[in-house]
Amino acid sequence: MTIIKYGDLCCGLGAFHTTFNRCSNDNIKYECVFACDIDKNIRNIYQENYHIRPEGDIYELDLDSIPEMDILCAGFPCTTFSIAGKKQAFSDEKRGGIFFRILEIIDAKEPSIVFLENVKNLHTINNGEVFQTIIDELEDRNYHISYKVLDSKYYNSPQSRERIYIICTKSSPYVFKNIRNAIVPISTIIDHTVNQYFEYEEKYRLERTNSRRSIMKYKLINRISGKGGRQGERVYGIDSYGPTICASSGGPGAKTGLYEIEPLQIRTLNVLEVLRIFGFNDDYHYESLENKKMLLFYLGNSIVVNVLVELIKDLHHYL
């Protein structure tokens, strides 16, 4: 059996770890030799599920203590690059500068493959200057760079989540497959034991959307102000995919969006349903998390496992 070692930087809920476990088989075993994340709750949850205690702040790591690895993975923080954030990019030294800290780890460990993930507009912010810096730095380290913006709705996940995936290899350029699977609807992940719904009638009325191209069915309109339809005031059906699960969203549909589960019966999604959307198992553990709904925030920053499975299952050919 071939053992391939990887590091999981800015590890979050462990989408990379879950994926490597699924891609392991009788011939190849992926072994996580290192993980880190600044968030204590995340470190506790990661340990619950993967029995590895991640290190903390990436800036405080002792580079000499990090084990050797074949693959370095990092879904590094997207706040400074995202549309939802302030788009400060590298001018935010603490968060935007994490990429340069990752470069220091790459220089110390020299992995054969570097796998990075971030928001889709990473390659367009500041007229592409930020992304060009990233590419130049990685090419200076003799990597072949392949990247592509992928939408999870085409990877058997009932969520439209566009993210850029950057795969850097030493041997030959990684080739992305052209995958466009049929849409999996939200109805496939619904937890039918839930019978509590959002009581919107006193404050809102529903306004049906007329666009056939929109996945939104209704807007919530405030009965007093007559305003509505912002991100957290949109209602979706369950017969198609849903919008991006967003850590920063607010309003009645905060984090997950609102869904019409039964005719005029509307609610947000629960943690189990969102775990399913991201491709995690139903038995994913988060007992250490005091506020269980906080997991929705962490999921809003996660990578979709379904997409990673397609990208990683043939990754060993590039070692």
C-alpha atoms as a PDB file:
ATOM      1  CA  MET A   1       0.000   0.000   0.000  1.00  0.00           C
ATOM      2  CA  THR A   2       1.184   3.510  -0.880  1.00  0.00           C
ATOM      3  CA  ILE A   3       0.872   6.072   1.926  1.00  0.00           C
ATOM      4  CA  ILE A   4       0.533   9.692   0.823  1.00  0.00           C
ATOM      5  CA  LYS A   5       1.001  12.303   3.540  1.00  0.00           C
ATOM      6  CA  TYR A   6      -0.779  15.633   3.547  1.00  0.00           C
ATOM      7  CA  GLY A   7      -1.084  18.768   5.655  1.00  0.00           C
ATOM      8  CA  ASP A   8      -4.381  20.545   6.270  1.00  0.00           C
ATOM      9  CA  LEU A   9      -3.718  24.262   6.806  1.00  0.00           C
ATOM     10  CA  CYS A  10      -6.594  26.572   7.823  1.00  0.00           C
ATOM     11  CA  CYS A  11      -8.362  23.236   8.192  1.00  0.00           C
ATOM     12  CA  GLY A  12     -11.862  24.415   9.136  1.00  0.00           C
ATOM     13  CA  LEU A  13     -14.382  21.609   9.543  1.00  0.00           C
ATOM     14  CA  GLY A  14     -12.135  19.189   7.685  1.00  0.00           C
ATOM     15  CA  ALA A  15     -13.508  19.060   4.144  1.00  0.00           C
ATOM     16  CA  PHE A  16     -10.075  18.058   2.858  1.00  0.00           C
ATOM     17  CA  HIS A  17      -9.714  15.428   5.589  1.00  0.00           C
ATOM     18  CA  THR A  18     -13.143  13.938   4.865  1.00  0.00           C
ATOM     19  CA  THR A  19     -12.293  13.834   1.162  1.00  0.00           C
ATOM     20  CA  PHE A  20      -8.916  12.161   1.585  1.00  0.00           C
ATOM     21  CA  ASN A  21     -10.554   9.537   3.806  1.00  0.00           C
ATOM     22  CA  ARG A  22     -13.102   8.803   1.078  1.00  0.00           C
ATOM     23  CA  CYS A  23     -10.425   8.637  -1.594  1.00  0.00           C
ATOM     24  CA  SER A  24      -8.303   6.166   0.362  1.00  0.00           C
ATOM     25  CA  ASN A  25      -8.563   2.538  -0.774  1.00  0.00           C
ATOM     26  CA  ASP A  26      -6.738  -0.779  -0.618  1.00  0.00           C
ATOM     27  CA  ASN A  27      -3.909   0.595  -2.759  1.00  0.00           C
ATOM     28  CA  ILE A  28      -3.565   4.186  -1.541  1.00  0.00           C
ATOM     29  CA  LYS A  29      -3.965   5.601   1.936  1.00  0.00           C
ATOM     30  CA  TYR A  30      -3.931   9.341   2.541  1.00  0.00           C
ATOM     31  CA  GLU A  31      -2.570  10.210   5.957  1.00  0.00           C
ATOM     32  CA  CYS A  32      -3.013  13.604   7.599  1.00  0.00           C
ATOM     33  CA  VAL A  33       0.263  14.468   9.330  1.00  0.00           C
ATOM     34  CA  PHE A  34      -0.533  18.045  10.287  1.00  0.00           C
ATOM     35  CA  ALA A  35      -3.468  20.442  10.652  1.00  0.00           C
ATOM     36  CA  CYS A  36      -3.901  23.960  11.972  1.00  0.00           C
ATOM     37  CA  ASP A  37      -6.629  26.527  12.551  1.00  0.00           C
ATOM     38  CA  ILE A  38      -6.783  29.657  14.661  1.00  0.00           C
ATOM     39  CA  ASP A  39     -10.328  28.971  15.917  1.00  0.00           C
ATOM     40  CA  LYS A  40     -10.473  26.936  19.155  1.00  0.00           C
ATOM     41  CA  ASN A  41     -13.989  25.639  18.416  1.00  0.00           C
ATOM     42  CA  ILE A  42     -12.797  24.391  15.044  1.00  0.00           C
ATOM     43  CA  ARG A  43      -9.839  22.634  16.622  1.00  0.00           C
ATOM     44  CA  ASN A  44     -12.155  20.876  19.072  1.00  0.00           C
ATOM     45  CA  ILE A  45     -14.559  19.785  16.333  1.00  0.00           C
ATOM     46  CA  TYR A  46     -11.705  18.594  14.108  1.00  0.00           C
ATOM     47  CA  GLN A  47     -10.333  16.479  16.925  1.00  0.00           C
ATOM     48  CA  GLU A  48     -13.779  14.984  17.562  1.00  0.00           C
ATOM     49  CA  ASN A  49     -14.083  13.815  13.975  1.00  0.00           C
ATOM     50  CA  TYR A  50     -10.533  13.020  12.887  1.00  0.00           C
ATOM     51  CA  HIS A  51      -8.733  12.306  16.182  1.00  0.00           C
ATOM     52  CA  ILE A  52      -6.011  14.821  15.400  1.00  0.00           C
ATOM     53  CA  ARG A  53      -5.547  17.987  17.425  1.00  0.00           C
ATOM     54  CA  PRO A  54      -4.798  20.867  15.035  1.00  0.00           C
ATOM     55  CA  GLU A  55      -2.214  23.451  15.929  1.00  0.00           C
ATOM     56  CA  GLY A  56      -3.380  27.054  16.402  1.00  0.00           C
ATOM     57  CA  ASP A  57      -2.331  30.347  14.814  1.00  0.00           C
ATOM     58  CA  ILE A  58      -0.476  29.721  11.557  1.00  0.00           C
ATOM     59  CA  TYR A  59       1.836  32.643  12.312  1.00  0.00           C
ATOM     60  CA  GLU A  60       3.006  31.021  15.550  1.00  0.00           C
ATOM     61  CA  LEU A  61       3.946  27.651  14.056  1.00  0.00           C
ATOM     62  CA  ASP A  62       7.465  26.355  14.446  1.00  0.00           C
ATOM     63  CA  LEU A  63       8.261  25.460  10.838  1.00  0.00           C
ATOM     64  CA  ASP A  64      10.887  22.908  11.892  1.00  0.00           C
ATOM     65  CA  SER A  65       8.249  20.974  13.869  1.00  0.00           C
ATOM     66  CA  ILE A  66       5.910  20.570  10.892  1.00  0.00           C
ATOM     67  CA  PRO A  67       6.233  17.044   9.437  1.00  0.00           C
ATOM     68  CA  GLU A  68       7.231  16.394   5.851  1.00  0.00           C
ATOM     69  CA  MET A  69       4.281  16.047   3.494  1.00  0.00           C
ATOM     70  CA  ASP A  70       3.539  15.130  -0.105  1.00  0.00           C
ATOM     71  CA  ILE A  71       0.489  17.393  -0.443  1.00  0.00           C
ATOM     72  CA  LEU A  72      -0.156  20.724   1.236  1.00  0.00           C
ATOM     73  CA  CYS A  73      -3.805  21.846   1.328  1.00  0.00           C
ATOM     74  CA  ALA A  74      -5.184  25.202   2.393  1.00  0.00           C
ATOM     75  CA  GLY A  75      -8.614  26.736   2.094  1.00  0.00           C
ATOM     76  CA  PHE A  76      -7.083  29.978   3.293  1.00  0.00           C
ATOM     77  CA  PRO A  77      -9.345  32.763   4.634  1.00  0.00           C
ATOM     78  CA  CYS A  78     -11.420  34.451   1.959  1.00  0.00           C
ATOM     79  CA  THR A  79     -12.764  37.476   3.877  1.00  0.00           C
ATOM     80  CA  THR A  80     -10.221  39.894   2.428  1.00  0.00           C
ATOM     81  CA  PHE A  81     -10.889  38.674  -1.132  1.00  0.00           C
ATOM     82  CA  SER A  82     -14.651  38.066  -1.172  1.00  0.00           C
ATOM     83  CA  ILE A  83     -17.454  40.205  -2.552  1.00  0.00           C
ATOM     84  CA  ALA A  84     -19.066  40.070   0.892  1.00  0.00           C
ATOM     85  CA  GLY A  85     -15.930  41.402   2.558  1.00  0.00           C
ATOM     86  CA  LYS A  86     -14.037  44.670   2.121  1.00  0.00           C
ATOM     87  CA  LYS A  87     -11.790  43.242  -0.607  1.00  0.00           C
ATOM     88  CA  GLN A  88      -8.647  44.480   1.130  1.00  0.00           C
ATOM     89  CA  ALA A  89      -6.629  41.567  -0.251  1.00  0.00           C
ATOM     90  CA  PHE A  90      -2.984  41.622   0.863  1.00  0.00           C
ATOM     91  CA  SER A  91      -3.371  45.036   2.525  1.00  0.00           C
ATOM     92  CA  ASP A  92      -4.979  43.138   5.411  1.00  0.00           C
ATOM     93  CA  GLU A  93      -1.665  41.913   6.802  1.00  0.00           C
ATOM     94  CA  LYS A  94      -3.141  39.423   9.278  1.00  0.00           C
ATOM     95  CA  ARG A  95      -5.623  37.582   7.042  1.00  0.00           C
ATOM     96  CA  GLY A  96      -4.543  38.485   3.516  1.00  0.00           C
ATOM     97  CA  GLY A  97      -0.947  37.814   4.510  1.00  0.00           C
ATOM     98  CA  ILE A  98      -1.706  34.182   5.366  1.00  0.00           C
ATOM     99  CA  PHE A  99      -0.848  33.298   1.761  1.00  0.00           C
ATOM    100  CA  PHE A 100       2.729  34.479   2.345  1.00  0.00           C
ATOM    101  CA  ARG A 101       2.880  32.425   5.534  1.00  0.00           C
ATOM    102  CA  ILE A 102       1.751  29.426   3.494  1.00  0.00           C
ATOM    103  CA  LEU A 103       4.627  30.167   1.119  1.00  0.00           C
ATOM    104  CA  GLU A 104       7.034  29.964   4.054  1.00  0.00           C
ATOM    105  CA  ILE A 105       5.665  26.519   4.903  1.00  0.00           C
ATOM    106  CA  ILE A 106       5.974  25.476   1.256  1.00  0.00           C
ATOM    107  CA  ASP A 107       9.603  26.616   1.267  1.00  0.00           C
ATOM    108  CA  ALA A 108      10.283  24.649   4.444  1.00  0.00           C
ATOM    109  CA  LYS A 109       8.550  21.392   3.436  1.00  0.00           C
ATOM    110  CA  GLU A 110       8.679  21.457  -0.400  1.00  0.00           C
ATOM    111  CA  PRO A 111       5.525  19.392  -1.009  1.00  0.00           C
ATOM    112  CA  SER A 112       5.060  17.853  -4.444  1.00  0.00           C
ATOM    113  CA  ILE A 113       1.515  19.215  -4.661  1.00  0.00           C
ATOM    114  CA  VAL A 114      -0.067  22.380  -3.289  1.00  0.00           C
ATOM    115  CA  PHE A 115      -3.870  22.546  -3.320  1.00  0.00           C
ATOM    116  CA  LEU A 116      -5.473  25.918  -2.563  1.00  0.00           C
ATOM    117  CA  GLU A 117      -9.110  27.060  -2.484  1.00  0.00           C
ATOM    118  CA  ASN A 118     -10.666  30.502  -2.245  1.00  0.00           C
ATOM    119  CA  VAL A 119     -13.567  32.683  -3.396  1.00  0.00           C
ATOM    120  CA  LYS A 120     -14.225  32.894  -7.125  1.00  0.00           C
ATOM    121  CA  ASN A 121     -13.245  36.548  -7.499  1.00  0.00           C
ATOM    122  CA  LEU A 122      -9.733  35.920  -6.160  1.00  0.00           C
ATOM    123  CA  HIS A 123      -8.483  36.064  -9.754  1.00  0.00           C
ATOM    124  CA  THR A 124     -10.225  39.360 -10.589  1.00  0.00           C
ATOM    125  CA  ILE A 125      -9.752  41.552  -7.494  1.00  0.00           C
ATOM    126  CA  ASN A 126      -7.539  44.625  -8.039  1.00  0.00           C
ATOM    127  CA  ASN A 127      -7.664  43.986 -11.788  1.00  0.00           C
ATOM    128  CA  GLY A 128      -6.054  40.593 -11.326  1.00  0.00           C
ATOM    129  CA  GLU A 129      -2.951  41.916  -9.567  1.00  0.00           C
ATOM    130  CA  VAL A 130      -3.513  39.875  -6.389  1.00  0.00           C
ATOM    131  CA  PHE A 131      -3.962  36.631  -8.302  1.00  0.00           C
ATOM    132  CA  GLN A 132      -0.963  37.326 -10.511  1.00  0.00           C
ATOM    133  CA  THR A 133       1.139  37.734  -7.367  1.00  0.00           C
ATOM    134  CA  ILE A 134      -0.088  34.342  -6.157  1.00  0.00           C
ATOM    135  CA  ILE A 135       0.717  32.710  -9.499  1.00  0.00           C
ATOM    136  CA  ASP A 136       4.130  34.350  -9.761  1.00  0.00           C
ATOM    137  CA  GLU A 137       5.123  33.273  -6.252  1.00  0.00           C
ATOM    138  CA  LEU A 138       4.107  29.669  -6.870  1.00  0.00           C
ATOM    139  CA  GLU A 139       5.748  29.526 -10.292  1.00  0.00           C
ATOM    140  CA  ASP A 140       8.948  30.886  -8.746  1.00  0.00           C
ATOM    141  CA  ARG A 141       8.916  27.696  -6.665  1.00  0.00           C
ATOM    142  CA  ASN A 142       8.832  25.590  -9.865  1.00  0.00           C
ATOM    143  CA  TYR A 143       5.194  24.532  -9.709  1.00  0.00           C
ATOM    144  CA  HIS A 144       2.925  24.036 -12.697  1.00  0.00           C
ATOM    145  CA  ILE A 145      -0.216  26.060 -11.887  1.00  0.00           C
ATOM    146  CA  SER A 146      -3.708  24.956 -12.878  1.00  0.00           C
ATOM    147  CA  TYR A 147      -6.824  26.735 -11.666  1.00  0.00           C
ATOM    148  CA  LYS A 148     -10.522  26.826 -12.373  1.00  0.00           C
ATOM    149  CA  VAL A 149     -13.711  28.310 -10.915  1.00  0.00           C
ATOM    150  CA  LEU A 150     -16.102  25.446 -10.177  1.00  0.00           C
ATOM    151  CA  ASP A 151     -19.750  25.506  -9.098  1.00  0.00           C
ATOM    152  CA  SER A 152     -20.758  22.847  -6.576  1.00  0.00           C
ATOM    153  CA  LYS A 153     -24.234  22.517  -8.110  1.00  0.00           C
ATOM    154  CA  TYR A 154     -22.632  20.477 -10.907  1.00  0.00           C
ATOM    155  CA  TYR A 155     -20.928  18.144  -8.404  1.00  0.00           C
ATOM    156  CA  ASN A 156     -23.990  16.506  -6.829  1.00  0.00           C
ATOM    157  CA  SER A 157     -24.363  19.197  -4.182  1.00  0.00           C
ATOM    158  CA  PRO A 158     -27.726  21.043  -4.069  1.00  0.00           C
ATOM    159  CA  GLN A 159     -26.024  24.417  -3.593  1.00  0.00           C
ATOM    160  CA  SER A 160     -24.615  26.901  -6.081  1.00  0.00           C
ATOM    161  CA  ARG A 161     -21.231  27.668  -4.560  1.00  0.00           C
ATOM    162  CA  GLU A 162     -18.612  28.998  -6.933  1.00  0.00           C
ATOM    163  CA  ARG A 163     -15.037  28.778  -5.707  1.00  0.00           C
ATOM    164  CA  ILE A 164     -11.632  28.897  -7.345  1.00  0.00           C
ATOM    165  CA  TYR A 165      -9.441  25.810  -7.002  1.00  0.00           C
ATOM    166  CA  ILE A 166      -5.698  26.133  -7.556  1.00  0.00           C
ATOM    167  CA  ILE A 167      -3.695  22.930  -7.951  1.00  0.00           C
ATOM    168  CA  CYS A 168       0.075  23.264  -8.148  1.00  0.00           C
ATOM    169  CA  THR A 169       2.151  20.269  -9.200  1.00  0.00           C
ATOM    170  CA  LYS A 170       5.828  19.556  -9.790  1.00  0.00           C
ATOM    171  CA  SER A 171       5.500  16.727 -12.305  1.00  0.00           C
ATOM    172  CA  SER A 172       3.049  17.912 -14.964  1.00  0.00           C
ATOM    173  CA  PRO A 173       0.132  20.377 -15.052  1.00  0.00           C
ATOM    174  CA  TYR A 174      -3.039  19.161 -13.369  1.00  0.00           C
ATOM    175  CA  VAL A 175      -5.910  18.753 -15.827  1.00  0.00           C
ATOM    176  CA  PHE A 176      -9.391  19.668 -14.634  1.00  0.00           C
ATOM    177  CA  LYS A 177     -12.151  17.438 -15.942  1.00  0.00           C
ATOM    178  CA  ASN A 178     -15.213  19.018 -17.513  1.00  0.00           C
ATOM    179  CA  ILE A 179     -17.874  17.897 -15.049  1.00  0.00           C
ATOM    180  CA  ARG A 180     -21.470  19.035 -15.320  1.00  0.00           C
ATOM    181  CA  ASN A 181     -23.631  16.516 -13.489  1.00  0.00           C
ATOM    182  CA  ALA A 182     -27.405  16.813 -13.388  1.00  0.00           C
ATOM    183  CA  ILE A 183     -28.758  19.092 -10.668  1.00  0.00           C
ATOM    184  CA  VAL A 184     -29.465  17.411  -7.332  1.00  0.00           C
ATOM    185  CA  PRO A 185     -32.406  19.199  -5.659  1.00  0.00           C
ATOM    186  CA  ILE A 186     -32.657  20.473  -2.096  1.00  0.00           C
ATOM    187  CA  SER A 187     -35.476  17.977  -1.544  1.00  0.00           C
ATOM    188  CA  THR A 188     -32.855  15.191  -1.312  1.00  0.00           C
ATOM    189  CA  ILE A 189     -31.335  16.585   1.892  1.00  0.00           C
ATOM    190  CA  ILE A 190     -34.497  17.653   3.741  1.00  0.00           C
ATOM    191  CA  ASP A 191     -34.881  16.433   7.331  1.00  0.00           C
ATOM    192  CA  HIS A 192     -38.584  15.571   7.450  1.00  0.00           C
ATOM    193  CA  THR A 193     -38.605  15.248  11.228  1.00  0.00           C
ATOM    194  CA  VAL A 194     -38.640  19.049  11.473  1.00  0.00           C
ATOM    195  CA  ASN A 195     -42.146  20.466  11.909  1.00  0.00           C
ATOM    196  CA  GLN A 196     -41.439  24.020  13.079  1.00  0.00           C
ATOM    197  CA  TYR A 197     -41.791  26.756  10.491  1.00  0.00           C
ATOM    198  CA  PHE A 198     -41.133  30.476  10.245  1.00  0.00           C
ATOM    199  CA  GLU A 199     -44.209  32.470  11.280  1.00  0.00           C
ATOM    200  CA  TYR A 200     -43.837  35.283   8.791  1.00  0.00           C
ATOM    201  CA  GLU A 201     -47.466  36.388   8.363  1.00  0.00           C
ATOM    202  CA  GLU A 202     -47.572  39.096  11.048  1.00  0.00           C
ATOM    203  CA  LYS A 203     -44.511  40.976   9.788  1.00  0.00           C
ATOM    204  CA  TYR A 204     -44.221  39.942   6.135  1.00  0.00           C
ATOM    205  CA  ARG A 205     -46.236  39.088   3.070  1.00  0.00           C
ATOM    206  CA  LEU A 206     -45.009  36.853   0.264  1.00  0.00           C
ATOM    207  CA  GLU A 207     -44.406  38.293  -3.174  1.00  0.00           C
ATOM    208  CA  ARG A 208     -44.016  35.680  -5.890  1.00  0.00           C
ATOM    209  CA  THR A 209     -41.135  36.113  -8.318  1.00  0.00           C
ATOM    210  CA  ASN A 210     -42.012  35.885 -12.001  1.00  0.00           C
ATOM    211  CA  SER A 211     -38.624  35.071 -13.494  1.00  0.00           C
ATOM    212  CA  ARG A 212     -38.446  31.468 -14.688  1.00  0.00           C
ATOM    213  CA  ARG A 213     -34.661  31.633 -14.577  1.00  0.00           C
ATOM    214  CA  SER A 214     -34.548  32.461 -10.872  1.00  0.00           C
ATOM    215  CA  ILE A 215     -34.373  29.751  -8.196  1.00  0.00           C
ATOM    216  CA  MET A 216     -36.128  32.144  -5.827  1.00  0.00           C
ATOM    217  CA  LYS A 217     -39.878  31.563  -5.421  1.00  0.00           C
ATOM    218  CA  TYR A 218     -40.876  34.461  -3.190  1.00  0.00           C
ATOM    219  CA  LYS A 219     -39.625  37.643  -1.607  1.00  0.00           C
ATOM    220  CA  LEU A 220     -40.526  38.538   1.963  1.00  0.00           C
ATOM    221  CA  ILE A 221     -41.993  42.044   1.889  1.00  0.00           C
ATOM    222  CA  ASN A 222     -42.300  43.999   5.137  1.00  0.00           C
ATOM    223  CA  ARG A 223     -45.965  44.872   5.684  1.00  0.00           C
ATOM    224  CA  ILE A 224     -45.134  48.297   7.125  1.00  0.00           C
ATOM    225  CA  SER A 225     -42.203  49.540   5.036  1.00  0.00           C
ATOM    226  CA  GLY A 226     -43.102  47.700   1.832  1.00  0.00           C
ATOM    227  CA  LYS A 227     -39.438  46.798   1.440  1.00  0.00           C
ATOM    228  CA  GLY A 228     -37.872  43.375   1.232  1.00  0.00           C
ATOM    229  CA  GLY A 229     -36.152  40.837  -0.947  1.00  0.00           C
ATOM    230  CA  ARG A 230     -32.663  41.196   0.487  1.00  0.00           C
ATOM    231  CA  GLN A 231     -30.509  38.098   0.795  1.00  0.00           C
ATOM    232  CA  GLY A 232     -32.091  36.947   4.060  1.00  0.00           C
ATOM    233  CA  GLU A 233     -35.601  37.705   2.816  1.00  0.00           C
ATOM    234  CA  ARG A 234     -35.665  35.356  -0.156  1.00  0.00           C
ATOM    235  CA  VAL A 235     -37.609  32.102  -0.243  1.00  0.00           C
ATOM    236  CA  TYR A 236     -36.500  29.186  -2.413  1.00  0.00           C
ATOM    237  CA  GLY A 237     -38.166  25.981  -3.520  1.00  0.00           C
ATOM    238  CA  ILE A 238     -36.788  22.516  -2.834  1.00  0.00           C
ATOM    239  CA  ASP A 239     -37.122  21.149  -6.380  1.00  0.00           C
ATOM    240  CA  SER A 240     -33.806  22.671  -7.520  1.00  0.00           C
ATOM    241  CA  TYR A 241     -30.479  23.745  -6.026  1.00  0.00           C
ATOM    242  CA  GLY A 242     -30.196  26.469  -3.399  1.00  0.00           C
ATOM    243  CA  PRO A 243     -28.051  29.594  -3.064  1.00  0.00           C
ATOM    244  CA  THR A 244     -24.629  29.790  -1.459  1.00  0.00           C
ATOM    245  CA  ILE A 245     -24.610  29.031   2.262  1.00  0.00           C
ATOM    246  CA  CYS A 246     -23.041  32.211   3.598  1.00  0.00           C
ATOM    247  CA  ALA A 247     -21.421  32.758   6.993  1.00  0.00           C
ATOM    248  CA  SER A 248     -22.072  36.490   6.875  1.00  0.00           C
ATOM    249  CA  SER A 249     -25.733  36.617   5.831  1.00  0.00           C
ATOM    250  CA  GLY A 250     -28.490  37.937   8.136  1.00  0.00           C
ATOM    251  CA  GLY A 251     -32.234  38.458   8.200  1.00  0.00           C
ATOM    252  CA  PRO A 252     -34.910  35.761   8.644  1.00  0.00           C
ATOM    253  CA  GLY A 253     -33.058  33.451   6.275  1.00  0.00           C
ATOM    254  CA  ALA A 254     -29.646  33.968   7.889  1.00  0.00           C
ATOM    255  CA  LYS A 255     -26.870  31.585   6.806  1.00  0.00           C
ATOM    256  CA  THR A 256     -29.010  29.053   4.886  1.00  0.00           C
ATOM    257  CA  GLY A 257     -31.780  30.946   3.116  1.00  0.00           C
ATOM    258  CA  LEU A 258     -35.507  30.278   3.512  1.00  0.00           C
ATOM    259  CA  TYR A 259     -37.202  27.328   1.826  1.00  0.00           C
ATOM    260  CA  GLU A 260     -40.810  26.430   1.100  1.00  0.00           C
ATOM    261  CA  ILE A 261     -40.783  22.860   2.412  1.00  0.00           C
ATOM    262  CA  GLU A 262     -44.549  22.400   2.046  1.00  0.00           C
ATOM    263  CA  PRO A 263     -47.009  24.811   0.392  1.00  0.00           C
ATOM    264  CA  LEU A 264     -46.586  28.123   2.275  1.00  0.00           C
ATOM    265  CA  GLN A 265     -44.632  26.314   5.024  1.00  0.00           C
ATOM    266  CA  ILE A 266     -41.310  28.147   5.183  1.00  0.00           C
ATOM    267  CA  ARG A 267     -38.185  27.685   7.275  1.00  0.00           C
ATOM    268  CA  THR A 268     -34.410  27.853   7.273  1.00  0.00           C
ATOM    269  CA  LEU A 269     -32.368  24.667   6.950  1.00  0.00           C
ATOM    270  CA  ASN A 270     -31.030  22.928  10.033  1.00  0.00           C
ATOM    271  CA  VAL A 271     -27.454  21.837  10.725  1.00  0.00           C
ATOM    272  CA  LEU A 272     -27.999  18.265   9.506  1.00  0.00           C
ATOM    273  CA  GLU A 273     -29.402  19.469   6.197  1.00  0.00           C
ATOM    274  CA  VAL A 274     -26.500  21.846   5.632  1.00  0.00           C
ATOM    275  CA  LEU A 275     -23.960  19.166   6.519  1.00  0.00           C
ATOM    276  CA  ARG A 276     -25.564  17.068   3.776  1.00  0.00           C
ATOM    277  CA  ILE A 277     -25.372  19.967   1.321  1.00  0.00           C
ATOM    278  CA  PHE A 278     -21.622  20.190   1.913  1.00  0.00           C
ATOM    279  CA  GLY A 279     -21.149  16.431   1.574  1.00  0.00           C
ATOM    280  CA  PHE A 280     -20.342  15.634   5.212  1.00  0.00           C
ATOM    281  CA  ASN A 281     -21.709  12.477   6.819  1.00  0.00           C
ATOM    282  CA  ASP A 282     -24.863  12.527   8.948  1.00  0.00           C
ATOM    283  CA  ASP A 283     -22.796  11.359  11.927  1.00  0.00           C
ATOM    284  CA  TYR A 284     -20.467  14.367  11.811  1.00  0.00           C
ATOM    285  CA  HIS A 285     -19.632  15.277  15.422  1.00  0.00           C
ATOM    286  CA  TYR A 286     -19.814  18.706  17.038  1.00  0.00           C
ATOM    287  CA  GLU A 287     -20.699  17.860  20.624  1.00  0.00           C
ATOM    288  CA  SER A 288     -17.942  20.171  21.888  1.00  0.00           C
ATOM    289  CA  LEU A 289     -19.645  23.193  20.321  1.00  0.00           C
ATOM    290  CA  GLU A 290     -21.666  24.963  23.003  1.00  0.00           C
ATOM    291  CA  ASN A 291     -23.942  26.809  20.570  1.00  0.00           C
ATOM    292  CA  LYS A 292     -24.866  24.096  18.084  1.00  0.00           C
ATOM    293  CA  LYS A 293     -26.265  26.560  15.533  1.00  0.00           C
ATOM    294  CA  MET A 294     -22.794  28.112  15.357  1.00  0.00           C
ATOM    295  CA  LEU A 295     -21.906  25.198  13.096  1.00  0.00           C
ATOM    296  CA  LEU A 296     -23.907  26.934  10.353  1.00  0.00           C
ATOM    297  CA  PHE A 297     -21.401  29.793  10.503  1.00  0.00           C
ATOM    298  CA  TYR A 298     -18.495  27.378  10.170  1.00  0.00           C
ATOM    299  CA  LEU A 299     -20.213  25.552   7.312  1.00  0.00           C
ATOM    300  CA  GLY A 300     -20.643  28.903   5.576  1.00  0.00           C
ATOM    301  CA  ASN A 301     -16.840  29.047   5.412  1.00  0.00           C
ATOM    302  CA  SER A 302     -16.359  25.413   4.400  1.00  0.00           C
ATOM    303  CA  ILE A 303     -15.390  23.738   1.145  1.00  0.00           C
ATOM    304  CA  VAL A 304     -17.859  21.357  -0.517  1.00  0.00           C
ATOM    305  CA  VAL A 305     -16.623  17.786  -0.115  1.00  0.00           C
ATOM    306  CA  ASN A 306     -18.339  16.642  -3.317  1.00  0.00           C
ATOM    307  CA  VAL A 307     -16.155  18.962  -5.406  1.00  0.00           C
ATOM    308  CA  LEU A 308     -12.957  17.937  -3.628  1.00  0.00           C
ATOM    309  CA  VAL A 309     -13.669  14.231  -4.203  1.00  0.00           C
ATOM    310  CA  GLU A 310     -13.688  14.756  -7.966  1.00  0.00           C
ATOM    311  CA  LEU A 311     -10.476  16.779  -7.847  1.00  0.00           C
ATOM    312  CA  ILE A 312      -8.551  14.563  -5.441  1.00  0.00           C
ATOM    313  CA  LYS A 313      -9.448  11.038  -6.556  1.00  0.00           C
ATOM    314  CA  ASP A 314      -6.846  11.146  -9.354  1.00  0.00           C
ATOM    315  CA  LEU A 315      -4.404  13.483  -7.637  1.00  0.00           C
ATOM    316  CA  HIS A 316      -1.906  10.720  -6.860  1.00  0.00           C
ATOM    317  CA  HIS A 317      -1.030  10.524 -10.556  1.00  0.00           C
ATOM    318  CA  TYR A 318       0.702  13.889 -10.211  1.00  0.00           C
ATOM    319  CA  LEU A 319       3.058  12.881  -7.406  1.00  0.00           C
END
